[in-house]
Amino acid sequence: MQPFVERMIEEYKELSERLKKLVTFTKTEKFAELAEEQRKLLEEQREAMSHYKKVLGQRIEINGGFAEV
């Protein structure tokens, strides 16, 4: 496997973990206590991260790697 594909896979793994933590946080009381603007921004960040993960996974797959870990 090409080194750039290996780097993308590592980035995908890290992104997956960060996204999982963010999703978990959005289900907490602490999140609910944040100001509305902060909650909206975190929701936007979650959506952007999800989209980025999807695109990165597609790039990995078309370059011969496996994104799902």
PDB file of N, CA and C in Angstrom:
ATOM      1  N   MET A   1       0.849  -1.182   0.000  1.00  0.00           N
ATOM      2  CA  MET A   1       0.000   0.000   0.000  1.00  0.00           C
ATOM      3  C   MET A   1       0.893   1.244   0.000  1.00  0.00           C
ATOM      4  N   GLN A   2       0.476   2.220  -0.753  1.00  0.00           N
ATOM      5  CA  GLN A   2       1.234   3.467  -0.864  1.00  0.00           C
ATOM      6  C   GLN A   2       1.273   4.198   0.484  1.00  0.00           C
ATOM      7  N   PRO A   3       2.387   4.864   0.784  1.00  0.00           N
ATOM      8  CA  PRO A   3       2.491   5.598   2.049  1.00  0.00           C
ATOM      9  C   PRO A   3       1.390   6.648   2.233  1.00  0.00           C
ATOM     10  N   PHE A   4       0.971   7.330   1.154  1.00  0.00           N
ATOM     11  CA  PHE A   4      -0.060   8.348   1.308  1.00  0.00           C
ATOM     12  C   PHE A   4      -1.404   7.715   1.690  1.00  0.00           C
ATOM     13  N   VAL A   5      -1.648   6.481   1.231  1.00  0.00           N
ATOM     14  CA  VAL A   5      -2.879   5.787   1.602  1.00  0.00           C
ATOM     15  C   VAL A   5      -2.807   5.393   3.075  1.00  0.00           C
ATOM     16  N   GLU A   6      -1.662   4.947   3.513  1.00  0.00           N
ATOM     17  CA  GLU A   6      -1.487   4.611   4.924  1.00  0.00           C
ATOM     18  C   GLU A   6      -1.710   5.835   5.807  1.00  0.00           C
ATOM     19  N   ARG A   7      -1.235   7.004   5.362  1.00  0.00           N
ATOM     20  CA  ARG A   7      -1.458   8.244   6.124  1.00  0.00           C
ATOM     21  C   ARG A   7      -2.935   8.601   6.160  1.00  0.00           C
ATOM     22  N   MET A   8      -3.625   8.396   5.041  1.00  0.00           N
ATOM     23  CA  MET A   8      -5.062   8.685   5.020  1.00  0.00           C
ATOM     24  C   MET A   8      -5.813   7.750   5.966  1.00  0.00           C
ATOM     25  N   ILE A   9      -5.409   6.497   6.008  1.00  0.00           N
ATOM     26  CA  ILE A   9      -6.062   5.534   6.905  1.00  0.00           C
ATOM     27  C   ILE A   9      -5.842   5.947   8.356  1.00  0.00           C
ATOM     28  N   GLU A  10      -4.637   6.365   8.682  1.00  0.00           N
ATOM     29  CA  GLU A  10      -4.360   6.815  10.046  1.00  0.00           C
ATOM     30  C   GLU A  10      -5.195   8.052  10.381  1.00  0.00           C
ATOM     31  N   GLU A  11      -5.285   8.974   9.436  1.00  0.00           N
ATOM     32  CA  GLU A  11      -6.103  10.169   9.639  1.00  0.00           C
ATOM     33  C   GLU A  11      -7.572   9.788   9.822  1.00  0.00           C
ATOM     34  N   TYR A  12      -8.035   8.825   9.043  1.00  0.00           N
ATOM     35  CA  TYR A  12      -9.416   8.346   9.140  1.00  0.00           C
ATOM     36  C   TYR A  12      -9.689   7.777  10.533  1.00  0.00           C
ATOM     37  N   LYS A  13      -8.754   6.990  11.040  1.00  0.00           N
ATOM     38  CA  LYS A  13      -8.916   6.404  12.374  1.00  0.00           C
ATOM     39  C   LYS A  13      -9.002   7.501  13.437  1.00  0.00           C
ATOM     40  N   GLU A  14      -8.088   8.469  13.355  1.00  0.00           N
ATOM     41  CA  GLU A  14      -8.081   9.567  14.324  1.00  0.00           C
ATOM     42  C   GLU A  14      -9.367  10.383  14.240  1.00  0.00           C
ATOM     43  N   LEU A  15      -9.796  10.672  13.027  1.00  0.00           N
ATOM     44  CA  LEU A  15     -11.026  11.423  12.824  1.00  0.00           C
ATOM     45  C   LEU A  15     -12.230  10.660  13.377  1.00  0.00           C
ATOM     46  N   SER A  16     -12.261   9.366  13.160  1.00  0.00           N
ATOM     47  CA  SER A  16     -13.360   8.536  13.661  1.00  0.00           C
ATOM     48  C   SER A  16     -13.446   8.625  15.181  1.00  0.00           C
ATOM     49  N   GLU A  17     -12.296   8.569  15.839  1.00  0.00           N
ATOM     50  CA  GLU A  17     -12.272   8.636  17.304  1.00  0.00           C
ATOM     51  C   GLU A  17     -12.735  10.011  17.799  1.00  0.00           C
ATOM     52  N   ARG A  18     -12.269  11.061  17.162  1.00  0.00           N
ATOM     53  CA  ARG A  18     -12.684  12.415  17.556  1.00  0.00           C
ATOM     54  C   ARG A  18     -14.184  12.621  17.328  1.00  0.00           C
ATOM     55  N   LEU A  19     -14.674  12.129  16.220  1.00  0.00           N
ATOM     56  CA  LEU A  19     -16.091  12.264  15.914  1.00  0.00           C
ATOM     57  C   LEU A  19     -16.931  11.492  16.927  1.00  0.00           C
ATOM     58  N   LYS A  20     -16.484  10.309  17.270  1.00  0.00           N
ATOM     59  CA  LYS A  20     -17.194   9.500  18.271  1.00  0.00           C
ATOM     60  C   LYS A  20     -17.275  10.244  19.605  1.00  0.00           C
ATOM     61  N   LYS A  21     -16.174  10.860  20.011  1.00  0.00           N
ATOM     62  CA  LYS A  21     -16.152  11.615  21.261  1.00  0.00           C
ATOM     63  C   LYS A  21     -17.086  12.825  21.202  1.00  0.00           C
ATOM     64  N   LEU A  22     -17.106  13.503  20.065  1.00  0.00           N
ATOM     65  CA  LEU A  22     -17.981  14.662  19.918  1.00  0.00           C
ATOM     66  C   LEU A  22     -19.451  14.243  19.978  1.00  0.00           C
ATOM     67  N   VAL A  23     -19.790  13.174  19.286  1.00  0.00           N
ATOM     68  CA  VAL A  23     -21.173  12.682  19.294  1.00  0.00           C
ATOM     69  C   VAL A  23     -21.580  12.305  20.724  1.00  0.00           C
ATOM     70  N   THR A  24     -20.691  11.643  21.430  1.00  0.00           N
ATOM     71  CA  THR A  24     -20.967  11.274  22.820  1.00  0.00           C
ATOM     72  C   THR A  24     -21.193  12.526  23.668  1.00  0.00           C
ATOM     73  N   PHE A  25     -20.349  13.528  23.482  1.00  0.00           N
ATOM     74  CA  PHE A  25     -20.482  14.765  24.244  1.00  0.00           C
ATOM     75  C   PHE A  25     -21.812  15.456  23.977  1.00  0.00           C
ATOM     76  N   THR A  26     -22.267  15.425  22.734  1.00  0.00           N
ATOM     77  CA  THR A  26     -23.524  16.115  22.404  1.00  0.00           C
ATOM     78  C   THR A  26     -24.736  15.475  23.071  1.00  0.00           C
ATOM     79  N   LYS A  27     -24.552  14.323  23.672  1.00  0.00           N
ATOM     80  CA  LYS A  27     -25.652  13.645  24.351  1.00  0.00           C
ATOM     81  C   LYS A  27     -25.604  13.844  25.872  1.00  0.00           C
ATOM     82  N   THR A  28     -24.708  14.710  26.333  1.00  0.00           N
ATOM     83  CA  THR A  28     -24.534  14.898  27.770  1.00  0.00           C
ATOM     84  C   THR A  28     -25.283  16.129  28.278  1.00  0.00           C
ATOM     85  N   GLU A  29     -25.428  16.169  29.578  1.00  0.00           N
ATOM     86  CA  GLU A  29     -26.036  17.332  30.249  1.00  0.00           C
ATOM     87  C   GLU A  29     -25.144  18.563  30.080  1.00  0.00           C
ATOM     88  N   LYS A  30     -23.850  18.344  30.119  1.00  0.00           N
ATOM     89  CA  LYS A  30     -22.901  19.454  29.954  1.00  0.00           C
ATOM     90  C   LYS A  30     -23.113  20.158  28.609  1.00  0.00           C
ATOM     91  N   PHE A  31     -23.340  19.381  27.563  1.00  0.00           N
ATOM     92  CA  PHE A  31     -23.619  19.955  26.248  1.00  0.00           C
ATOM     93  C   PHE A  31     -24.911  20.763  26.294  1.00  0.00           C
ATOM     94  N   ALA A  32     -25.931  20.209  26.913  1.00  0.00           N
ATOM     95  CA  ALA A  32     -27.239  20.874  26.997  1.00  0.00           C
ATOM     96  C   ALA A  32     -27.148  22.201  27.750  1.00  0.00           C
ATOM     97  N   GLU A  33     -26.188  22.330  28.634  1.00  0.00           N
ATOM     98  CA  GLU A  33     -26.024  23.549  29.416  1.00  0.00           C
ATOM     99  C   GLU A  33     -25.268  24.650  28.666  1.00  0.00           C
ATOM    100  N   LEU A  34     -24.669  24.315  27.540  1.00  0.00           N
ATOM    101  CA  LEU A  34     -23.936  25.321  26.757  1.00  0.00           C
ATOM    102  C   LEU A  34     -24.901  26.343  26.158  1.00  0.00           C
ATOM    103  N   ALA A  35     -24.371  27.513  25.855  1.00  0.00           N
ATOM    104  CA  ALA A  35     -25.161  28.528  25.174  1.00  0.00           C
ATOM    105  C   ALA A  35     -25.600  27.984  23.816  1.00  0.00           C
ATOM    106  N   GLU A  36     -26.740  28.455  23.355  1.00  0.00           N
ATOM    107  CA  GLU A  36     -27.301  27.975  22.086  1.00  0.00           C
ATOM    108  C   GLU A  36     -26.314  28.102  20.932  1.00  0.00           C
ATOM    109  N   GLU A  37     -25.613  29.232  20.870  1.00  0.00           N
ATOM    110  CA  GLU A  37     -24.648  29.441  19.784  1.00  0.00           C
ATOM    111  C   GLU A  37     -23.545  28.387  19.819  1.00  0.00           C
ATOM    112  N   GLN A  38     -23.063  28.056  21.009  1.00  0.00           N
ATOM    113  CA  GLN A  38     -22.033  27.022  21.134  1.00  0.00           C
ATOM    114  C   GLN A  38     -22.551  25.661  20.691  1.00  0.00           C
ATOM    115  N   ARG A  39     -23.778  25.334  21.089  1.00  0.00           N
ATOM    116  CA  ARG A  39     -24.370  24.050  20.678  1.00  0.00           C
ATOM    117  C   ARG A  39     -24.516  23.978  19.161  1.00  0.00           C
ATOM    118  N   LYS A  40     -24.989  25.056  18.562  1.00  0.00           N
ATOM    119  CA  LYS A  40     -25.154  25.071  17.097  1.00  0.00           C
ATOM    120  C   LYS A  40     -23.817  24.894  16.396  1.00  0.00           C
ATOM    121  N   LEU A  41     -22.791  25.573  16.909  1.00  0.00           N
ATOM    122  CA  LEU A  41     -21.469  25.458  16.288  1.00  0.00           C
ATOM    123  C   LEU A  41     -20.914  24.046  16.417  1.00  0.00           C
ATOM    124  N   LEU A  42     -21.115  23.424  17.554  1.00  0.00           N
ATOM    125  CA  LEU A  42     -20.652  22.044  17.724  1.00  0.00           C
ATOM    126  C   LEU A  42     -21.419  21.085  16.819  1.00  0.00           C
ATOM    127  N   GLU A  43     -22.698  21.339  16.615  1.00  0.00           N
ATOM    128  CA  GLU A  43     -23.484  20.512  15.686  1.00  0.00           C
ATOM    129  C   GLU A  43     -22.962  20.692  14.255  1.00  0.00           C
ATOM    130  N   GLU A  44     -22.643  21.922  13.888  1.00  0.00           N
ATOM    131  CA  GLU A  44     -22.072  22.168  12.558  1.00  0.00           C
ATOM    132  C   GLU A  44     -20.732  21.462  12.412  1.00  0.00           C
ATOM    133  N   GLN A  45     -19.929  21.510  13.474  1.00  0.00           N
ATOM    134  CA  GLN A  45     -18.638  20.835  13.448  1.00  0.00           C
ATOM    135  C   GLN A  45     -18.829  19.330  13.273  1.00  0.00           C
ATOM    136  N   ARG A  46     -19.803  18.760  13.985  1.00  0.00           N
ATOM    137  CA  ARG A  46     -20.087  17.323  13.861  1.00  0.00           C
ATOM    138  C   ARG A  46     -20.465  16.967  12.430  1.00  0.00           C
ATOM    139  N   GLU A  47     -21.318  17.778  11.825  1.00  0.00           N
ATOM    140  CA  GLU A  47     -21.735  17.527  10.442  1.00  0.00           C
ATOM    141  C   GLU A  47     -20.549  17.618   9.485  1.00  0.00           C
ATOM    142  N   ALA A  48     -19.700  18.624   9.680  1.00  0.00           N
ATOM    143  CA  ALA A  48     -18.531  18.791   8.817  1.00  0.00           C
ATOM    144  C   ALA A  48     -17.567  17.608   8.975  1.00  0.00           C
ATOM    145  N   MET A  49     -17.366  17.191  10.202  1.00  0.00           N
ATOM    146  CA  MET A  49     -16.481  16.049  10.447  1.00  0.00           C
ATOM    147  C   MET A  49     -17.045  14.774   9.819  1.00  0.00           C
ATOM    148  N   SER A  50     -18.337  14.588   9.900  1.00  0.00           N
ATOM    149  CA  SER A  50     -18.975  13.414   9.292  1.00  0.00           C
ATOM    150  C   SER A  50     -18.791  13.417   7.775  1.00  0.00           C
ATOM    151  N   HIS A  51     -18.976  14.582   7.183  1.00  0.00           N
ATOM    152  CA  HIS A  51     -18.806  14.691   5.731  1.00  0.00           C
ATOM    153  C   HIS A  51     -17.348  14.433   5.350  1.00  0.00           C
ATOM    154  N   TYR A  52     -16.434  15.016   6.093  1.00  0.00           N
ATOM    155  CA  TYR A  52     -15.005  14.829   5.839  1.00  0.00           C
ATOM    156  C   TYR A  52     -14.633  13.347   5.954  1.00  0.00           C
ATOM    157  N   LYS A  53     -15.168  12.669   6.964  1.00  0.00           N
ATOM    158  CA  LYS A  53     -14.892  11.245   7.144  1.00  0.00           C
ATOM    159  C   LYS A  53     -15.383  10.444   5.934  1.00  0.00           C
ATOM    160  N   LYS A  54     -16.564  10.784   5.451  1.00  0.00           N
ATOM    161  CA  LYS A  54     -17.119  10.088   4.290  1.00  0.00           C
ATOM    162  C   LYS A  54     -16.230  10.274   3.057  1.00  0.00           C
ATOM    163  N   VAL A  55     -15.828  11.509   2.810  1.00  0.00           N
ATOM    164  CA  VAL A  55     -14.982  11.804   1.643  1.00  0.00           C
ATOM    165  C   VAL A  55     -13.625  11.132   1.778  1.00  0.00           C
ATOM    166  N   LEU A  56     -13.036  11.200   2.964  1.00  0.00           N
ATOM    167  CA  LEU A  56     -11.746  10.565   3.192  1.00  0.00           C
ATOM    168  C   LEU A  56     -11.845   9.055   2.973  1.00  0.00           C
ATOM    169  N   GLY A  57     -12.916   8.453   3.445  1.00  0.00           N
ATOM    170  CA  GLY A  57     -13.126   7.023   3.232  1.00  0.00           C
ATOM    171  C   GLY A  57     -13.218   6.670   1.753  1.00  0.00           C
ATOM    172  N   GLN A  58     -13.887   7.508   0.990  1.00  0.00           N
ATOM    173  CA  GLN A  58     -13.996   7.272  -0.460  1.00  0.00           C
ATOM    174  C   GLN A  58     -12.631   7.378  -1.119  1.00  0.00           C
ATOM    175  N   ARG A  59     -11.836   8.358  -0.698  1.00  0.00           N
ATOM    176  CA  ARG A  59     -10.489   8.509  -1.266  1.00  0.00           C
ATOM    177  C   ARG A  59      -9.630   7.293  -0.941  1.00  0.00           C
ATOM    178  N   ILE A  60      -9.753   6.797   0.280  1.00  0.00           N
ATOM    179  CA  ILE A  60      -8.981   5.609   0.673  1.00  0.00           C
ATOM    180  C   ILE A  60      -9.377   4.421  -0.194  1.00  0.00           C
ATOM    181  N   GLU A  61     -10.670   4.223  -0.363  1.00  0.00           N
ATOM    182  CA  GLU A  61     -11.157   3.082  -1.140  1.00  0.00           C
ATOM    183  C   GLU A  61     -10.722   3.135  -2.596  1.00  0.00           C
ATOM    184  N   ILE A  62     -10.783   4.299  -3.228  1.00  0.00           N
ATOM    185  CA  ILE A  62     -10.397   4.362  -4.642  1.00  0.00           C
ATOM    186  C   ILE A  62      -8.897   4.241  -4.834  1.00  0.00           C
ATOM    187  N   ASN A  63      -8.145   4.363  -3.722  1.00  0.00           N
ATOM    188  CA  ASN A  63      -6.697   4.202  -3.802  1.00  0.00           C
ATOM    189  C   ASN A  63      -6.245   2.850  -3.252  1.00  0.00           C
ATOM    190  N   GLY A  64      -7.205   1.927  -3.134  1.00  0.00           N
ATOM    191  CA  GLY A  64      -6.862   0.546  -2.790  1.00  0.00           C
ATOM    192  C   GLY A  64      -6.779   0.236  -1.315  1.00  0.00           C
ATOM    193  N   GLY A  65      -7.218   1.159  -0.465  1.00  0.00           N
ATOM    194  CA  GLY A  65      -7.196   0.899   0.969  1.00  0.00           C
ATOM    195  C   GLY A  65      -8.576   0.574   1.481  1.00  0.00           C
ATOM    196  N   PHE A  66      -8.662   0.306   2.749  1.00  0.00           N
ATOM    197  CA  PHE A  66      -9.938   0.006   3.385  1.00  0.00           C
ATOM    198  C   PHE A  66     -10.135   1.008   4.511  1.00  0.00           C
ATOM    199  N   ALA A  67     -11.193   1.808   4.392  1.00  0.00           N
ATOM    200  CA  ALA A  67     -11.422   2.889   5.338  1.00  0.00           C
ATOM    201  C   ALA A  67     -12.029   2.400   6.642  1.00  0.00           C
ATOM    202  N   GLU A  68     -12.937   1.456   6.574  1.00  0.00           N
ATOM    203  CA  GLU A  68     -13.641   1.034   7.792  1.00  0.00           C
ATOM    204  C   GLU A  68     -12.695   0.230   8.666  1.00  0.00           C
ATOM    205  N   VAL A  69     -12.583   0.674   9.902  1.00  0.00           N
ATOM    206  CA  VAL A  69     -11.697  -0.011  10.850  1.00  0.00           C
ATOM    207  C   VAL A  69     -12.455  -0.362  12.097  1.00  0.00           C
TER     208      VAL A  69
END
